[in-house]
N, C-alpha and C. Protein backbone atom coordinates (compact mmCIF):
# COMPACT_ATOMS: atom_id res chain seq x y z
N MET A 1 -164.47 39.85 -175.09
CA MET A 1 -164.96 41.23 -175.16
C MET A 1 -164.47 42.01 -173.95
N SER A 2 -163.95 43.19 -174.15
CA SER A 2 -163.43 44.01 -173.06
C SER A 2 -164.54 44.38 -172.08
N LYS A 3 -164.20 44.33 -170.80
CA LYS A 3 -165.19 44.67 -169.77
C LYS A 3 -165.23 46.17 -169.53
N HIS A 4 -164.20 46.90 -169.92
CA HIS A 4 -164.11 48.32 -169.60
C HIS A 4 -163.83 49.11 -170.87
N ILE A 5 -164.43 50.27 -170.98
CA ILE A 5 -164.18 51.16 -172.11
C ILE A 5 -163.30 52.29 -171.61
N SER A 6 -162.17 52.51 -172.27
CA SER A 6 -161.25 53.54 -171.80
C SER A 6 -160.79 54.38 -172.98
N THR A 7 -159.71 55.15 -172.78
CA THR A 7 -159.28 56.11 -173.77
C THR A 7 -159.13 55.47 -175.15
N GLY A 8 -159.61 56.17 -176.16
CA GLY A 8 -159.53 55.68 -177.52
C GLY A 8 -160.81 55.05 -178.01
N CYS A 9 -161.74 54.75 -177.12
CA CYS A 9 -162.97 54.07 -177.49
C CYS A 9 -164.17 55.01 -177.51
N LEU A 10 -164.03 56.20 -176.94
CA LEU A 10 -165.11 57.17 -176.92
C LEU A 10 -164.57 58.53 -177.36
N PRO A 11 -165.41 59.37 -177.92
CA PRO A 11 -164.93 60.66 -178.40
C PRO A 11 -164.67 61.65 -177.27
N GLY A 12 -163.67 62.53 -177.46
CA GLY A 12 -163.44 63.63 -176.56
C GLY A 12 -163.17 63.21 -175.13
N PHE A 13 -163.62 64.06 -174.20
CA PHE A 13 -163.31 63.84 -172.79
C PHE A 13 -163.93 62.58 -172.23
N GLU A 14 -165.00 62.07 -172.83
CA GLU A 14 -165.65 60.87 -172.31
C GLU A 14 -164.74 59.65 -172.39
N ALA A 15 -163.69 59.75 -173.19
CA ALA A 15 -162.76 58.63 -173.30
C ALA A 15 -162.05 58.32 -171.99
N ALA A 16 -161.98 59.31 -171.08
CA ALA A 16 -161.30 59.09 -169.80
C ALA A 16 -162.16 58.33 -168.80
N PHE A 17 -163.45 58.21 -169.06
CA PHE A 17 -164.35 57.51 -168.14
C PHE A 17 -164.16 56.00 -168.23
N VAL A 18 -164.21 55.35 -167.07
CA VAL A 18 -164.21 53.90 -167.01
C VAL A 18 -165.66 53.43 -166.92
N ARG A 19 -166.09 52.63 -167.87
CA ARG A 19 -167.42 52.03 -167.84
C ARG A 19 -167.29 50.60 -167.31
N VAL A 20 -168.04 50.28 -166.28
CA VAL A 20 -167.96 48.96 -165.66
C VAL A 20 -169.17 48.15 -166.08
N ALA A 21 -168.94 47.08 -166.81
CA ALA A 21 -170.03 46.25 -167.30
C ALA A 21 -170.60 45.34 -166.23
N ASP A 22 -169.76 44.94 -165.27
CA ASP A 22 -170.18 44.00 -164.22
C ASP A 22 -169.70 44.53 -162.89
N VAL A 23 -170.62 45.04 -162.07
CA VAL A 23 -170.25 45.66 -160.79
C VAL A 23 -169.94 44.62 -159.72
N CYS A 24 -169.96 43.34 -160.08
CA CYS A 24 -169.64 42.28 -159.13
C CYS A 24 -168.30 41.62 -159.43
N ARG A 25 -167.61 42.10 -160.48
CA ARG A 25 -166.32 41.52 -160.84
C ARG A 25 -165.21 42.55 -160.64
N PRO A 26 -164.07 42.13 -160.08
CA PRO A 26 -162.95 43.07 -159.91
C PRO A 26 -162.51 43.66 -161.24
N LEU A 27 -162.03 44.89 -161.20
CA LEU A 27 -161.54 45.57 -162.39
C LEU A 27 -160.24 44.94 -162.88
N ASP A 28 -160.06 44.97 -164.16
CA ASP A 28 -158.80 44.57 -164.79
C ASP A 28 -158.09 45.86 -165.20
N PHE A 29 -157.08 46.25 -164.43
CA PHE A 29 -156.47 47.56 -164.67
C PHE A 29 -155.58 47.59 -165.91
N GLY A 30 -155.09 46.44 -166.34
CA GLY A 30 -154.41 46.40 -167.62
C GLY A 30 -155.37 46.74 -168.75
N ASP A 31 -156.60 46.30 -168.61
CA ASP A 31 -157.66 46.61 -169.58
C ASP A 31 -158.07 48.08 -169.47
N VAL A 32 -158.22 48.56 -168.25
CA VAL A 32 -158.67 49.94 -168.02
C VAL A 32 -157.69 50.95 -168.61
N PHE A 33 -156.39 50.74 -168.37
CA PHE A 33 -155.39 51.71 -168.80
C PHE A 33 -154.71 51.34 -170.12
N GLY A 34 -154.89 50.11 -170.53
CA GLY A 34 -154.23 49.67 -171.76
C GLY A 34 -152.74 49.47 -171.60
N ARG A 35 -152.28 49.32 -170.37
CA ARG A 35 -150.86 49.13 -170.09
C ARG A 35 -150.70 48.73 -168.63
N SER A 36 -149.51 48.29 -168.26
CA SER A 36 -149.20 48.02 -166.86
C SER A 36 -148.51 49.24 -166.27
N GLY A 37 -148.41 49.26 -164.95
CA GLY A 37 -147.75 50.37 -164.27
C GLY A 37 -148.26 50.49 -162.85
N PRO A 38 -147.51 51.17 -161.98
CA PRO A 38 -147.96 51.37 -160.59
C PRO A 38 -149.31 52.06 -160.56
N LEU A 39 -150.23 51.51 -159.76
CA LEU A 39 -151.60 52.05 -159.70
C LEU A 39 -151.77 52.94 -158.47
N HIS A 40 -152.24 54.16 -158.71
CA HIS A 40 -152.55 55.11 -157.65
C HIS A 40 -154.04 55.42 -157.69
N LEU A 41 -154.69 55.34 -156.54
CA LEU A 41 -156.10 55.67 -156.42
C LEU A 41 -156.26 57.01 -155.71
N ASP A 42 -157.06 57.89 -156.29
CA ASP A 42 -157.44 59.14 -155.64
C ASP A 42 -158.92 59.02 -155.29
N LEU A 43 -159.20 58.73 -154.03
CA LEU A 43 -160.57 58.45 -153.59
C LEU A 43 -161.25 59.75 -153.18
N GLY A 44 -162.42 60.03 -153.78
CA GLY A 44 -163.10 61.28 -153.52
C GLY A 44 -162.33 62.41 -154.16
N ALA A 45 -162.18 62.35 -155.48
CA ALA A 45 -161.22 63.19 -156.19
C ALA A 45 -161.67 64.62 -156.41
N GLY A 46 -162.90 64.97 -156.05
CA GLY A 46 -163.35 66.34 -156.22
C GLY A 46 -163.36 66.76 -157.68
N ASP A 47 -162.83 67.94 -157.97
CA ASP A 47 -162.78 68.43 -159.34
C ASP A 47 -161.54 67.96 -160.09
N GLY A 48 -160.71 67.16 -159.44
CA GLY A 48 -159.59 66.54 -160.14
C GLY A 48 -158.31 67.34 -160.20
N GLY A 49 -158.19 68.41 -159.42
CA GLY A 49 -156.96 69.19 -159.44
C GLY A 49 -155.75 68.37 -159.06
N PHE A 50 -155.87 67.59 -157.99
CA PHE A 50 -154.76 66.74 -157.58
C PHE A 50 -154.51 65.63 -158.60
N ALA A 51 -155.56 64.90 -158.99
CA ALA A 51 -155.39 63.76 -159.88
C ALA A 51 -154.71 64.16 -161.18
N ALA A 52 -155.14 65.28 -161.77
CA ALA A 52 -154.55 65.73 -163.02
C ALA A 52 -153.10 66.18 -162.83
N GLY A 53 -152.86 66.93 -161.76
CA GLY A 53 -151.50 67.39 -161.50
C GLY A 53 -150.55 66.24 -161.22
N PHE A 54 -151.03 65.26 -160.46
CA PHE A 54 -150.20 64.11 -160.11
C PHE A 54 -149.94 63.24 -161.33
N ALA A 55 -150.98 63.00 -162.13
CA ALA A 55 -150.80 62.19 -163.34
C ALA A 55 -149.83 62.86 -164.30
N GLY A 56 -149.92 64.20 -164.41
CA GLY A 56 -149.01 64.92 -165.29
C GLY A 56 -147.57 64.85 -164.82
N ALA A 57 -147.37 64.87 -163.50
CA ALA A 57 -146.02 64.84 -162.93
C ALA A 57 -145.41 63.45 -162.94
N HIS A 58 -146.26 62.42 -163.07
CA HIS A 58 -145.79 61.03 -162.99
C HIS A 58 -146.38 60.21 -164.14
N PRO A 59 -145.91 60.42 -165.36
CA PRO A 59 -146.51 59.75 -166.51
C PRO A 59 -146.38 58.23 -166.49
N SER A 60 -145.47 57.68 -165.70
CA SER A 60 -145.33 56.22 -165.64
C SER A 60 -146.35 55.58 -164.70
N PHE A 61 -147.05 56.40 -163.90
CA PHE A 61 -148.07 55.88 -162.98
C PHE A 61 -149.42 55.85 -163.68
N ASN A 62 -150.23 54.86 -163.33
CA ASN A 62 -151.64 54.83 -163.71
C ASN A 62 -152.45 55.42 -162.56
N VAL A 63 -153.24 56.45 -162.85
CA VAL A 63 -153.97 57.16 -161.81
C VAL A 63 -155.47 57.01 -162.05
N LEU A 64 -156.17 56.45 -161.07
CA LEU A 64 -157.61 56.31 -161.15
C LEU A 64 -158.25 57.28 -160.16
N ALA A 65 -158.96 58.27 -160.69
CA ALA A 65 -159.69 59.23 -159.86
C ALA A 65 -161.10 58.72 -159.65
N VAL A 66 -161.51 58.60 -158.40
CA VAL A 66 -162.81 58.05 -158.06
C VAL A 66 -163.66 59.16 -157.47
N GLU A 67 -164.80 59.42 -158.08
CA GLU A 67 -165.66 60.52 -157.64
C GLU A 67 -167.12 60.13 -157.86
N ARG A 68 -167.93 60.31 -156.83
CA ARG A 68 -169.34 59.91 -156.89
C ARG A 68 -170.20 60.88 -157.68
N LEU A 69 -169.91 62.18 -157.61
CA LEU A 69 -170.77 63.19 -158.22
C LEU A 69 -170.45 63.35 -159.70
N LEU A 70 -171.49 63.32 -160.54
CA LEU A 70 -171.30 63.35 -161.98
C LEU A 70 -170.63 64.64 -162.44
N GLY A 71 -171.05 65.79 -161.92
CA GLY A 71 -170.47 67.05 -162.36
C GLY A 71 -168.97 67.10 -162.11
N ARG A 72 -168.55 66.64 -160.95
CA ARG A 72 -167.12 66.62 -160.64
C ARG A 72 -166.38 65.61 -161.51
N ALA A 73 -166.97 64.43 -161.70
CA ALA A 73 -166.33 63.42 -162.53
C ALA A 73 -166.11 63.92 -163.95
N ARG A 74 -167.08 64.64 -164.48
CA ARG A 74 -166.94 65.20 -165.83
C ARG A 74 -165.81 66.23 -165.89
N LYS A 75 -165.66 67.01 -164.84
CA LYS A 75 -164.56 67.99 -164.81
C LYS A 75 -163.21 67.28 -164.84
N ILE A 76 -163.10 66.17 -164.12
CA ILE A 76 -161.84 65.42 -164.12
C ILE A 76 -161.57 64.87 -165.51
N ALA A 77 -162.60 64.30 -166.14
CA ALA A 77 -162.43 63.75 -167.48
C ALA A 77 -162.01 64.82 -168.48
N LYS A 78 -162.56 66.01 -168.34
CA LYS A 78 -162.18 67.11 -169.24
C LYS A 78 -160.73 67.53 -169.01
N LYS A 79 -160.29 67.52 -167.75
CA LYS A 79 -158.88 67.83 -167.47
C LYS A 79 -157.97 66.80 -168.15
N ALA A 80 -158.33 65.51 -168.03
CA ALA A 80 -157.52 64.46 -168.65
C ALA A 80 -157.43 64.65 -170.15
N TRP A 81 -158.55 64.99 -170.76
CA TRP A 81 -158.61 65.16 -172.22
C TRP A 81 -157.83 66.39 -172.67
N ARG A 82 -158.08 67.53 -172.02
CA ARG A 82 -157.43 68.78 -172.44
C ARG A 82 -155.93 68.76 -172.20
N GLN A 83 -155.49 68.07 -171.15
CA GLN A 83 -154.07 68.03 -170.83
C GLN A 83 -153.36 66.83 -171.45
N GLY A 84 -154.10 66.01 -172.19
CA GLY A 84 -153.49 64.86 -172.85
C GLY A 84 -152.94 63.83 -171.88
N LEU A 85 -153.67 63.60 -170.77
CA LEU A 85 -153.20 62.69 -169.73
C LEU A 85 -153.71 61.28 -170.01
N GLY A 86 -152.96 60.54 -170.77
CA GLY A 86 -153.37 59.17 -171.10
C GLY A 86 -153.29 58.22 -169.94
N ASN A 87 -152.64 58.62 -168.84
CA ASN A 87 -152.52 57.77 -167.66
C ASN A 87 -153.54 58.09 -166.58
N LEU A 88 -154.53 58.92 -166.88
CA LEU A 88 -155.56 59.28 -165.91
C LEU A 88 -156.92 58.77 -166.37
N ARG A 89 -157.59 58.04 -165.51
CA ARG A 89 -158.95 57.56 -165.77
C ARG A 89 -159.86 58.04 -164.64
N VAL A 90 -161.14 58.08 -164.93
CA VAL A 90 -162.15 58.55 -163.98
C VAL A 90 -163.20 57.48 -163.81
N LEU A 91 -163.51 57.17 -162.57
CA LEU A 91 -164.57 56.21 -162.27
C LEU A 91 -165.60 56.89 -161.39
N ARG A 92 -166.83 56.97 -161.86
CA ARG A 92 -167.91 57.56 -161.08
C ARG A 92 -168.56 56.46 -160.24
N LEU A 93 -168.16 56.42 -158.96
CA LEU A 93 -168.62 55.35 -158.08
C LEU A 93 -168.34 55.75 -156.64
N GLU A 94 -169.04 55.14 -155.73
CA GLU A 94 -168.82 55.36 -154.30
C GLU A 94 -167.54 54.62 -153.90
N SER A 95 -166.64 55.31 -153.22
CA SER A 95 -165.32 54.76 -152.93
C SER A 95 -165.36 53.51 -152.06
N GLY A 96 -166.28 53.46 -151.11
CA GLY A 96 -166.37 52.30 -150.25
C GLY A 96 -166.72 51.04 -151.03
N TYR A 97 -167.65 51.16 -151.97
CA TYR A 97 -168.03 50.01 -152.79
C TYR A 97 -166.86 49.56 -153.66
N LEU A 98 -166.19 50.53 -154.25
CA LEU A 98 -165.02 50.21 -155.08
C LEU A 98 -164.01 49.39 -154.30
N MET A 99 -163.65 49.86 -153.10
CA MET A 99 -162.60 49.19 -152.34
C MET A 99 -163.04 47.80 -151.87
N ARG A 100 -164.29 47.65 -151.55
CA ARG A 100 -164.76 46.36 -151.04
C ARG A 100 -164.90 45.31 -152.13
N TYR A 101 -165.30 45.72 -153.34
CA TYR A 101 -165.73 44.72 -154.32
C TYR A 101 -164.99 44.75 -155.66
N LEU A 102 -164.35 45.85 -156.03
CA LEU A 102 -163.85 45.96 -157.40
C LEU A 102 -162.34 46.05 -157.53
N ILE A 103 -161.62 46.10 -156.42
CA ILE A 103 -160.16 46.20 -156.49
C ILE A 103 -159.54 44.83 -156.26
N PRO A 104 -158.77 44.32 -157.21
CA PRO A 104 -158.11 43.02 -157.00
C PRO A 104 -157.12 43.09 -155.84
N PRO A 105 -156.93 42.00 -155.14
CA PRO A 105 -155.96 42.00 -154.03
C PRO A 105 -154.55 42.33 -154.51
N SER A 106 -153.84 43.08 -153.68
CA SER A 106 -152.41 43.39 -153.90
C SER A 106 -152.15 44.05 -155.26
N SER A 107 -153.06 44.95 -155.66
CA SER A 107 -152.93 45.57 -156.98
C SER A 107 -152.63 47.07 -156.93
N VAL A 108 -152.68 47.69 -155.75
CA VAL A 108 -152.58 49.14 -155.64
C VAL A 108 -151.26 49.55 -154.99
N SER A 109 -150.59 50.52 -155.60
CA SER A 109 -149.34 51.03 -155.02
C SER A 109 -149.60 52.05 -153.92
N VAL A 110 -150.51 53.01 -154.20
CA VAL A 110 -150.79 54.06 -153.22
C VAL A 110 -152.27 54.42 -153.28
N ILE A 111 -152.87 54.55 -152.10
CA ILE A 111 -154.22 55.08 -151.95
C ILE A 111 -154.10 56.50 -151.40
N HIS A 112 -154.55 57.47 -152.17
CA HIS A 112 -154.55 58.87 -151.74
C HIS A 112 -155.94 59.18 -151.19
N LEU A 113 -156.00 59.51 -149.93
CA LEU A 113 -157.27 59.78 -149.25
C LEU A 113 -157.21 61.21 -148.72
N MET A 114 -157.89 62.11 -149.41
CA MET A 114 -157.76 63.53 -149.12
C MET A 114 -159.07 64.14 -148.66
N HIS A 115 -159.09 64.59 -147.44
CA HIS A 115 -160.23 65.30 -146.89
C HIS A 115 -161.54 64.53 -147.04
N PRO A 116 -161.58 63.27 -146.56
CA PRO A 116 -162.87 62.56 -146.60
C PRO A 116 -163.90 63.30 -145.77
N ASP A 117 -165.14 63.25 -146.21
CA ASP A 117 -166.23 63.97 -145.54
C ASP A 117 -166.32 63.54 -144.08
N PRO A 118 -166.19 64.48 -143.13
CA PRO A 118 -166.17 64.09 -141.71
C PRO A 118 -167.54 63.77 -141.12
N TRP A 119 -168.63 64.14 -141.83
CA TRP A 119 -169.97 63.95 -141.24
C TRP A 119 -169.90 64.30 -139.75
N PRO A 120 -169.73 65.56 -139.42
CA PRO A 120 -169.37 65.94 -138.04
C PRO A 120 -170.42 65.62 -136.97
N LYS A 121 -171.71 65.59 -137.33
CA LYS A 121 -172.72 65.29 -136.32
C LYS A 121 -172.68 63.81 -135.96
N ARG A 122 -172.71 63.53 -134.67
CA ARG A 122 -172.53 62.16 -134.21
C ARG A 122 -173.53 61.19 -134.84
N ARG A 123 -174.76 61.64 -135.05
CA ARG A 123 -175.77 60.74 -135.62
C ARG A 123 -175.49 60.42 -137.09
N HIS A 124 -174.57 61.17 -137.69
CA HIS A 124 -174.21 60.93 -139.09
C HIS A 124 -172.92 60.15 -139.25
N TRP A 125 -172.26 59.78 -138.15
CA TRP A 125 -170.98 59.10 -138.25
C TRP A 125 -171.07 57.79 -139.02
N LYS A 126 -172.26 57.19 -139.05
CA LYS A 126 -172.44 55.93 -139.77
C LYS A 126 -172.20 56.09 -141.27
N HIS A 127 -172.22 57.34 -141.75
CA HIS A 127 -171.99 57.59 -143.18
C HIS A 127 -170.52 57.80 -143.52
N ARG A 128 -169.66 57.85 -142.51
CA ARG A 128 -168.25 58.09 -142.78
C ARG A 128 -167.64 56.96 -143.61
N LEU A 129 -166.73 57.33 -144.50
CA LEU A 129 -166.09 56.35 -145.36
C LEU A 129 -165.17 55.42 -144.59
N VAL A 130 -164.32 55.99 -143.75
CA VAL A 130 -163.28 55.19 -143.10
C VAL A 130 -163.81 54.58 -141.82
N ARG A 131 -164.10 53.30 -141.93
CA ARG A 131 -164.46 52.47 -140.78
C ARG A 131 -163.64 51.18 -140.90
N ASP A 132 -163.83 50.25 -139.97
CA ASP A 132 -162.98 49.07 -139.95
C ASP A 132 -163.08 48.25 -141.25
N GLU A 133 -164.28 48.13 -141.80
CA GLU A 133 -164.45 47.36 -143.04
C GLU A 133 -163.68 48.00 -144.20
N PHE A 134 -163.74 49.32 -144.28
CA PHE A 134 -163.01 50.03 -145.32
C PHE A 134 -161.51 49.88 -145.13
N ALA A 135 -161.03 50.01 -143.90
CA ALA A 135 -159.60 49.87 -143.63
C ALA A 135 -159.10 48.48 -144.02
N ALA A 136 -159.89 47.46 -143.73
CA ALA A 136 -159.51 46.10 -144.12
C ALA A 136 -159.47 45.95 -145.64
N ALA A 137 -160.40 46.61 -146.34
CA ALA A 137 -160.42 46.56 -147.79
C ALA A 137 -159.19 47.25 -148.38
N CYS A 138 -158.77 48.35 -147.77
CA CYS A 138 -157.56 49.04 -148.23
C CYS A 138 -156.33 48.15 -148.06
N LEU A 139 -156.23 47.51 -146.91
CA LEU A 139 -155.10 46.61 -146.66
C LEU A 139 -155.06 45.50 -147.70
N ARG A 140 -156.20 44.93 -148.00
CA ARG A 140 -156.28 43.85 -148.98
C ARG A 140 -155.88 44.33 -150.38
N ALA A 141 -156.23 45.56 -150.72
CA ALA A 141 -155.95 46.10 -152.05
C ALA A 141 -154.48 46.44 -152.27
N LEU A 142 -153.79 46.82 -151.21
CA LEU A 142 -152.40 47.29 -151.35
C LEU A 142 -151.45 46.14 -151.67
N GLU A 143 -150.49 46.43 -152.54
CA GLU A 143 -149.40 45.50 -152.76
C GLU A 143 -148.44 45.59 -151.58
N PRO A 144 -147.58 44.60 -151.35
CA PRO A 144 -146.58 44.72 -150.27
C PRO A 144 -145.74 45.98 -150.43
N GLY A 145 -145.64 46.74 -149.37
CA GLY A 145 -144.95 48.02 -149.42
C GLY A 145 -145.81 49.17 -149.89
N GLY A 146 -147.06 48.88 -150.29
CA GLY A 146 -147.98 49.93 -150.72
C GLY A 146 -148.39 50.83 -149.57
N GLU A 147 -148.86 52.02 -149.92
CA GLU A 147 -149.10 53.04 -148.90
C GLU A 147 -150.51 53.63 -148.97
N ILE A 148 -150.97 54.07 -147.81
CA ILE A 148 -152.15 54.93 -147.69
C ILE A 148 -151.62 56.30 -147.26
N ARG A 149 -152.02 57.34 -147.98
CA ARG A 149 -151.58 58.70 -147.66
C ARG A 149 -152.81 59.54 -147.37
N LEU A 150 -152.94 59.94 -146.14
CA LEU A 150 -154.11 60.67 -145.66
C LEU A 150 -153.79 62.15 -145.50
N THR A 151 -154.67 63.00 -146.03
CA THR A 151 -154.65 64.44 -145.78
C THR A 151 -156.03 64.84 -145.28
N ILE A 152 -156.10 65.53 -144.15
CA ILE A 152 -157.40 65.80 -143.54
C ILE A 152 -157.34 67.09 -142.73
N ASP A 153 -158.48 67.75 -142.61
CA ASP A 153 -158.54 69.02 -141.88
C ASP A 153 -159.38 68.93 -140.61
N HIS A 154 -159.96 67.75 -140.34
CA HIS A 154 -160.88 67.59 -139.21
C HIS A 154 -160.21 66.73 -138.14
N PRO A 155 -159.76 67.32 -137.02
CA PRO A 155 -158.99 66.55 -136.02
C PRO A 155 -159.77 65.42 -135.39
N GLY A 156 -161.09 65.58 -135.20
CA GLY A 156 -161.87 64.50 -134.61
C GLY A 156 -161.93 63.28 -135.50
N TYR A 157 -162.19 63.51 -136.79
CA TYR A 157 -162.23 62.40 -137.73
C TYR A 157 -160.84 61.80 -137.92
N LEU A 158 -159.81 62.64 -137.88
CA LEU A 158 -158.44 62.14 -137.96
C LEU A 158 -158.19 61.09 -136.88
N LYS A 159 -158.59 61.39 -135.66
CA LYS A 159 -158.39 60.46 -134.55
C LYS A 159 -159.06 59.12 -134.83
N ASP A 160 -160.27 59.15 -135.34
CA ASP A 160 -161.00 57.91 -135.62
C ASP A 160 -160.36 57.15 -136.79
N ILE A 161 -159.90 57.86 -137.82
CA ILE A 161 -159.26 57.21 -138.95
C ILE A 161 -157.97 56.53 -138.52
N VAL A 162 -157.18 57.23 -137.72
CA VAL A 162 -155.93 56.64 -137.22
C VAL A 162 -156.22 55.36 -136.46
N ALA A 163 -157.26 55.37 -135.63
CA ALA A 163 -157.60 54.17 -134.87
C ALA A 163 -157.99 53.02 -135.79
N CYS A 164 -158.76 53.32 -136.86
CA CYS A 164 -159.18 52.27 -137.80
C CYS A 164 -157.99 51.63 -138.49
N PHE A 165 -157.11 52.45 -139.04
CA PHE A 165 -155.97 51.89 -139.76
C PHE A 165 -154.97 51.23 -138.82
N ASP A 166 -154.82 51.78 -137.64
CA ASP A 166 -153.88 51.18 -136.68
C ASP A 166 -154.35 49.81 -136.19
N ARG A 167 -155.64 49.54 -136.29
CA ARG A 167 -156.15 48.21 -135.90
C ARG A 167 -155.84 47.13 -136.93
N GLN A 168 -155.44 47.53 -138.13
CA GLN A 168 -155.10 46.54 -139.15
C GLN A 168 -153.70 45.98 -138.87
N PRO A 169 -153.56 44.67 -138.74
CA PRO A 169 -152.30 44.10 -138.24
C PRO A 169 -151.11 44.27 -139.17
N SER A 170 -151.33 44.45 -140.46
CA SER A 170 -150.22 44.54 -141.41
C SER A 170 -150.02 45.94 -141.97
N LEU A 171 -150.57 46.95 -141.28
CA LEU A 171 -150.34 48.33 -141.67
C LEU A 171 -149.46 49.00 -140.61
N GLN A 172 -148.40 49.62 -141.08
CA GLN A 172 -147.46 50.31 -140.18
C GLN A 172 -147.52 51.81 -140.43
N ALA A 173 -147.84 52.56 -139.39
CA ALA A 173 -147.93 54.01 -139.52
C ALA A 173 -146.55 54.62 -139.73
N PHE A 174 -146.50 55.68 -140.52
CA PHE A 174 -145.26 56.43 -140.68
C PHE A 174 -145.61 57.89 -140.92
N ARG A 175 -144.64 58.75 -140.65
CA ARG A 175 -144.86 60.17 -140.87
C ARG A 175 -144.73 60.46 -142.36
N TRP A 176 -145.80 60.92 -142.96
CA TRP A 176 -145.79 61.17 -144.39
C TRP A 176 -145.95 62.66 -144.66
N LEU A 177 -145.06 63.19 -145.49
CA LEU A 177 -145.15 64.58 -145.94
C LEU A 177 -145.00 64.61 -147.46
N PRO A 178 -145.80 65.41 -148.16
CA PRO A 178 -145.71 65.43 -149.61
C PRO A 178 -144.40 66.05 -150.08
N GLY A 179 -143.86 65.44 -151.14
CA GLY A 179 -142.63 65.97 -151.71
C GLY A 179 -142.89 66.59 -153.06
N ALA A 180 -141.84 66.69 -153.86
CA ALA A 180 -141.95 67.25 -155.20
C ALA A 180 -142.88 66.38 -156.05
N GLY A 181 -143.65 67.01 -156.91
CA GLY A 181 -144.57 66.27 -157.76
C GLY A 181 -145.83 65.82 -157.06
N TYR A 182 -146.11 66.45 -155.91
CA TYR A 182 -147.32 66.10 -155.16
C TYR A 182 -148.17 67.37 -155.00
N PRO A 183 -149.05 67.64 -155.96
CA PRO A 183 -149.82 68.88 -155.93
C PRO A 183 -150.88 68.87 -154.82
N LYS A 184 -151.35 70.06 -154.49
CA LYS A 184 -152.43 70.18 -153.51
C LYS A 184 -153.76 69.84 -154.17
N SER A 185 -154.65 69.24 -153.39
CA SER A 185 -155.99 68.95 -153.90
C SER A 185 -156.82 70.23 -153.92
N ASP A 186 -157.94 70.17 -154.63
CA ASP A 186 -158.86 71.32 -154.65
C ASP A 186 -159.32 71.66 -153.24
N PHE A 187 -159.58 70.63 -152.44
CA PHE A 187 -160.05 70.85 -151.08
C PHE A 187 -158.99 71.56 -150.25
N GLU A 188 -157.74 71.11 -150.37
CA GLU A 188 -156.68 71.71 -149.57
C GLU A 188 -156.46 73.17 -149.94
N VAL A 189 -156.54 73.48 -151.22
CA VAL A 189 -156.41 74.88 -151.65
C VAL A 189 -157.50 75.73 -151.00
N GLY A 190 -158.72 75.22 -151.01
CA GLY A 190 -159.83 75.95 -150.41
C GLY A 190 -159.69 76.11 -148.92
N PHE A 191 -159.28 75.04 -148.24
CA PHE A 191 -159.14 75.10 -146.79
C PHE A 191 -157.99 76.01 -146.37
N ALA A 192 -156.93 76.04 -147.19
CA ALA A 192 -155.81 76.93 -146.88
C ALA A 192 -156.26 78.39 -146.91
N GLY A 193 -157.16 78.70 -147.85
CA GLY A 193 -157.69 80.05 -147.92
C GLY A 193 -158.54 80.42 -146.73
N GLN A 194 -159.08 79.39 -146.04
CA GLN A 194 -159.88 79.62 -144.85
C GLN A 194 -159.04 79.59 -143.57
N GLY A 195 -157.76 79.33 -143.71
CA GLY A 195 -156.87 79.29 -142.56
C GLY A 195 -156.95 78.00 -141.76
N LYS A 196 -157.50 76.93 -142.34
CA LYS A 196 -157.62 75.67 -141.63
C LYS A 196 -156.28 74.94 -141.59
N VAL A 197 -156.05 74.22 -140.49
CA VAL A 197 -154.85 73.40 -140.34
C VAL A 197 -155.08 72.08 -141.05
N VAL A 198 -154.08 71.61 -141.79
CA VAL A 198 -154.16 70.34 -142.50
C VAL A 198 -153.23 69.34 -141.82
N PHE A 199 -153.75 68.14 -141.57
CA PHE A 199 -152.99 67.06 -140.94
C PHE A 199 -152.69 65.98 -141.98
N ARG A 200 -151.55 65.31 -141.81
CA ARG A 200 -151.16 64.24 -142.73
C ARG A 200 -150.68 63.03 -141.93
N GLN A 201 -150.99 61.85 -142.47
CA GLN A 201 -150.55 60.61 -141.85
C GLN A 201 -150.44 59.55 -142.94
N GLY A 202 -149.49 58.65 -142.78
CA GLY A 202 -149.32 57.57 -143.75
C GLY A 202 -149.29 56.21 -143.07
N TRP A 203 -149.63 55.18 -143.86
CA TRP A 203 -149.52 53.78 -143.42
C TRP A 203 -148.93 52.99 -144.56
N ARG A 204 -148.09 52.01 -144.23
CA ARG A 204 -147.45 51.17 -145.23
C ARG A 204 -147.78 49.70 -144.94
N LYS A 205 -148.07 48.94 -145.98
CA LYS A 205 -148.35 47.52 -145.83
C LYS A 205 -147.04 46.75 -145.66
N ILE A 206 -146.94 46.01 -144.59
CA ILE A 206 -145.70 45.28 -144.29
C ILE A 206 -145.92 43.78 -144.42
């Protein structure tokens, strides 16, 4: 019996949702997408502007948009349905839990991490997504040569994130800039309108 329900099994936009029957077992992405292909994760996908645009520009990639809030997750699923994006799935889950427990080792081509919540007050830093445990989980999830692509608008959190990933022995930092077929996220569009500076950094598994 299939562990995950994906496109074709539910009516309308709900077909894009991934249903997880066992939250203690790693996902089977061949089952989730119904095919093989390079796996891209969009963690904290917001309303899905980036995930939908990226999936549309790269039909050979499997794109999993991960979003904790139901309203946002539903918007992503509707984008996938309306645009006929059979390579886009939506998982409503906390990204830290996903990376620690549900991603098989060496299964991910690229982790897209865009504008993670900075929790700017020092007493709230414990809620930040990117800490050493998360960085180790990302390293474990990446296939050899796989990448983490960070886009962020908060310089203080950027410094801490760089330190976390740089502590991982098999991650090599590189200068990453988006090229063709790399749309802006909903967050970046909003921040650009506010005149905020956006920073980018990449790491590759060696």
